[in-house]
Amino acid sequence: MEFYSLKHRQKVSVPDDEVRTRLTTRQTRNGEQHRYMLEAVATVDGVAGKVHKFVSKEVFDAFAARG
C-alpha cells in the first residue's frame, strides 16, 4: 500500500500486512459520520513516522476482512 508521508514529504510504500484499519465516528446535526482510515508506521532513512490514509468503505472492508 502506498501512503504519502507528511513528515518525509514523499510517497512511501508499506507492506499490506503492516497496515491497520481504524474507524472514527462523530456526531453531526444530520446524524453520525463515519471516516474509514488505514494507518501504518513507515521508515524513511532510518526515521519512523506514522502515516494515515482515508479510504472508501469498500477498501476499508477489504483490509478489515484480512484479519
N, C-alpha and C. Protein backbone atom coordinates (compact mmCIF):
# COMPACT_ATOMS: atom_id res chain seq x y z
N MET A 1 0.86 -1.17 0.00
CA MET A 1 0.00 0.00 0.00
C MET A 1 0.90 1.23 0.00
N GLU A 2 0.53 2.22 -0.75
CA GLU A 2 1.31 3.43 -0.85
C GLU A 2 0.64 4.55 -0.06
N PHE A 3 1.41 5.24 0.75
CA PHE A 3 0.95 6.36 1.56
C PHE A 3 1.79 7.58 1.21
N TYR A 4 1.30 8.76 1.56
CA TYR A 4 2.10 9.97 1.45
C TYR A 4 2.47 10.39 2.86
N SER A 5 3.76 10.47 3.16
CA SER A 5 4.24 10.85 4.47
C SER A 5 4.45 12.36 4.52
N LEU A 6 3.69 13.03 5.37
CA LEU A 6 3.87 14.47 5.52
C LEU A 6 5.20 14.80 6.18
N LYS A 7 5.64 13.95 7.09
CA LYS A 7 6.90 14.17 7.78
C LYS A 7 8.08 14.11 6.81
N HIS A 8 8.04 13.14 5.89
CA HIS A 8 9.15 12.96 4.96
C HIS A 8 8.91 13.64 3.62
N ARG A 9 7.68 14.13 3.40
CA ARG A 9 7.28 14.81 2.17
C ARG A 9 7.56 13.98 0.93
N GLN A 10 7.16 12.72 1.00
CA GLN A 10 7.30 11.84 -0.15
C GLN A 10 6.37 10.64 0.00
N LYS A 11 6.15 9.95 -1.10
CA LYS A 11 5.34 8.73 -1.04
C LYS A 11 6.20 7.61 -0.48
N VAL A 12 5.59 6.80 0.38
CA VAL A 12 6.28 5.66 0.96
C VAL A 12 5.43 4.41 0.74
N SER A 13 6.09 3.31 0.57
CA SER A 13 5.41 2.04 0.37
C SER A 13 5.48 1.22 1.64
N VAL A 14 4.34 0.67 2.06
CA VAL A 14 4.25 -0.12 3.28
C VAL A 14 3.63 -1.47 2.92
N PRO A 15 4.22 -2.58 3.38
CA PRO A 15 3.61 -3.89 3.09
C PRO A 15 2.19 -3.97 3.63
N ASP A 16 1.31 -4.63 2.89
CA ASP A 16 -0.10 -4.71 3.28
C ASP A 16 -0.31 -5.36 4.64
N ASP A 17 0.58 -6.26 5.05
CA ASP A 17 0.38 -6.92 6.34
C ASP A 17 0.71 -6.02 7.53
N GLU A 18 1.30 -4.85 7.30
CA GLU A 18 1.60 -3.90 8.37
C GLU A 18 0.58 -2.77 8.47
N VAL A 19 -0.43 -2.81 7.60
CA VAL A 19 -1.45 -1.76 7.57
C VAL A 19 -2.58 -2.14 8.52
N ARG A 20 -2.99 -1.18 9.35
CA ARG A 20 -4.10 -1.41 10.30
C ARG A 20 -5.29 -0.55 9.87
N THR A 21 -6.48 -0.98 10.26
CA THR A 21 -7.69 -0.22 9.96
C THR A 21 -8.12 0.55 11.20
N ARG A 22 -8.78 1.68 10.95
CA ARG A 22 -9.28 2.50 12.06
C ARG A 22 -10.56 3.20 11.60
N LEU A 23 -11.60 3.06 12.39
CA LEU A 23 -12.88 3.68 12.09
C LEU A 23 -13.15 4.77 13.12
N THR A 24 -13.40 5.98 12.66
CA THR A 24 -13.74 7.06 13.57
C THR A 24 -15.18 7.49 13.28
N THR A 25 -15.89 7.83 14.33
CA THR A 25 -17.29 8.24 14.21
C THR A 25 -17.48 9.53 14.99
N ARG A 26 -18.24 10.43 14.38
CA ARG A 26 -18.55 11.66 15.10
C ARG A 26 -20.01 12.01 14.87
N GLN A 27 -20.57 12.71 15.81
CA GLN A 27 -21.97 13.10 15.75
C GLN A 27 -22.10 14.46 15.09
N THR A 28 -22.94 14.56 14.07
CA THR A 28 -23.22 15.83 13.41
C THR A 28 -24.70 16.16 13.59
N ARG A 29 -25.12 17.29 13.11
CA ARG A 29 -26.54 17.64 13.21
C ARG A 29 -27.42 16.67 12.45
N ASN A 30 -26.90 16.13 11.35
CA ASN A 30 -27.68 15.24 10.49
C ASN A 30 -27.52 13.77 10.85
N GLY A 31 -26.80 13.45 11.91
CA GLY A 31 -26.59 12.06 12.31
C GLY A 31 -25.12 11.77 12.48
N GLU A 32 -24.78 10.50 12.47
CA GLU A 32 -23.39 10.10 12.64
C GLU A 32 -22.64 10.13 11.32
N GLN A 33 -21.36 10.50 11.40
CA GLN A 33 -20.48 10.48 10.23
C GLN A 33 -19.36 9.50 10.52
N HIS A 34 -19.12 8.58 9.60
CA HIS A 34 -18.07 7.58 9.76
C HIS A 34 -16.93 7.92 8.80
N ARG A 35 -15.69 7.84 9.30
CA ARG A 35 -14.50 8.04 8.47
C ARG A 35 -13.69 6.75 8.51
N TYR A 36 -13.34 6.24 7.36
CA TYR A 36 -12.61 4.98 7.24
C TYR A 36 -11.16 5.31 6.94
N MET A 37 -10.24 4.78 7.77
CA MET A 37 -8.84 5.16 7.69
C MET A 37 -7.95 3.92 7.73
N LEU A 38 -6.86 3.97 6.97
CA LEU A 38 -5.80 2.98 7.06
C LEU A 38 -4.60 3.69 7.65
N GLU A 39 -3.87 3.01 8.53
CA GLU A 39 -2.70 3.63 9.14
C GLU A 39 -1.58 2.61 9.27
N ALA A 40 -0.36 3.13 9.29
CA ALA A 40 0.83 2.28 9.40
C ALA A 40 1.99 3.14 9.89
N VAL A 41 3.11 2.47 10.15
CA VAL A 41 4.35 3.17 10.51
C VAL A 41 5.33 2.96 9.36
N ALA A 42 5.82 4.05 8.81
CA ALA A 42 6.75 3.99 7.69
C ALA A 42 8.11 4.50 8.14
N THR A 43 9.17 3.84 7.67
CA THR A 43 10.53 4.24 7.99
C THR A 43 11.22 4.71 6.72
N VAL A 44 11.71 5.95 6.75
CA VAL A 44 12.45 6.51 5.62
C VAL A 44 13.78 7.01 6.16
N ASP A 45 14.88 6.51 5.61
CA ASP A 45 16.23 6.90 6.02
C ASP A 45 16.44 6.72 7.52
N GLY A 46 15.86 5.67 8.09
CA GLY A 46 16.03 5.37 9.50
C GLY A 46 15.14 6.15 10.44
N VAL A 47 14.28 6.99 9.91
CA VAL A 47 13.38 7.79 10.74
C VAL A 47 11.96 7.27 10.54
N ALA A 48 11.33 6.82 11.63
CA ALA A 48 9.98 6.28 11.55
C ALA A 48 8.95 7.38 11.74
N GLY A 49 7.81 7.20 11.09
CA GLY A 49 6.71 8.15 11.24
C GLY A 49 5.40 7.48 10.89
N LYS A 50 4.34 7.90 11.57
CA LYS A 50 3.02 7.35 11.29
C LYS A 50 2.47 7.95 10.00
N VAL A 51 1.79 7.13 9.24
CA VAL A 51 1.13 7.59 8.02
C VAL A 51 -0.33 7.14 8.07
N HIS A 52 -1.21 7.97 7.54
CA HIS A 52 -2.65 7.71 7.55
C HIS A 52 -3.18 7.95 6.14
N LYS A 53 -4.27 7.24 5.83
CA LYS A 53 -4.89 7.41 4.53
C LYS A 53 -6.38 7.18 4.68
N PHE A 54 -7.20 8.15 4.26
CA PHE A 54 -8.64 7.98 4.27
C PHE A 54 -9.04 7.22 3.01
N VAL A 55 -9.89 6.21 3.19
CA VAL A 55 -10.28 5.35 2.07
C VAL A 55 -11.80 5.17 2.06
N SER A 56 -12.28 4.54 1.01
CA SER A 56 -13.71 4.24 0.91
C SER A 56 -14.06 3.06 1.80
N LYS A 57 -15.35 2.87 2.03
CA LYS A 57 -15.81 1.77 2.87
C LYS A 57 -15.43 0.42 2.26
N GLU A 58 -15.45 0.32 0.94
CA GLU A 58 -15.12 -0.93 0.26
C GLU A 58 -13.66 -1.32 0.49
N VAL A 59 -12.74 -0.37 0.37
CA VAL A 59 -11.32 -0.64 0.61
C VAL A 59 -11.10 -0.97 2.08
N PHE A 60 -11.76 -0.23 2.97
CA PHE A 60 -11.65 -0.47 4.41
C PHE A 60 -12.11 -1.90 4.74
N ASP A 61 -13.26 -2.30 4.20
CA ASP A 61 -13.79 -3.65 4.46
C ASP A 61 -12.86 -4.73 3.93
N ALA A 62 -12.22 -4.49 2.80
CA ALA A 62 -11.30 -5.47 2.23
C ALA A 62 -10.09 -5.67 3.16
N PHE A 63 -9.56 -4.59 3.73
CA PHE A 63 -8.44 -4.72 4.66
C PHE A 63 -8.88 -5.31 5.99
N ALA A 64 -10.07 -4.95 6.45
CA ALA A 64 -10.57 -5.47 7.72
C ALA A 64 -10.86 -6.96 7.64
N ALA A 65 -11.24 -7.45 6.48
CA ALA A 65 -11.55 -8.87 6.31
C ALA A 65 -10.30 -9.75 6.36
N ARG A 66 -9.14 -9.15 6.12
CA ARG A 66 -7.89 -9.92 6.16
C ARG A 66 -7.53 -10.37 7.56
N GLY A 67 -8.00 -9.65 8.54
CA GLY A 67 -7.71 -10.06 9.91
C GLY A 67 -7.07 -8.99 10.63
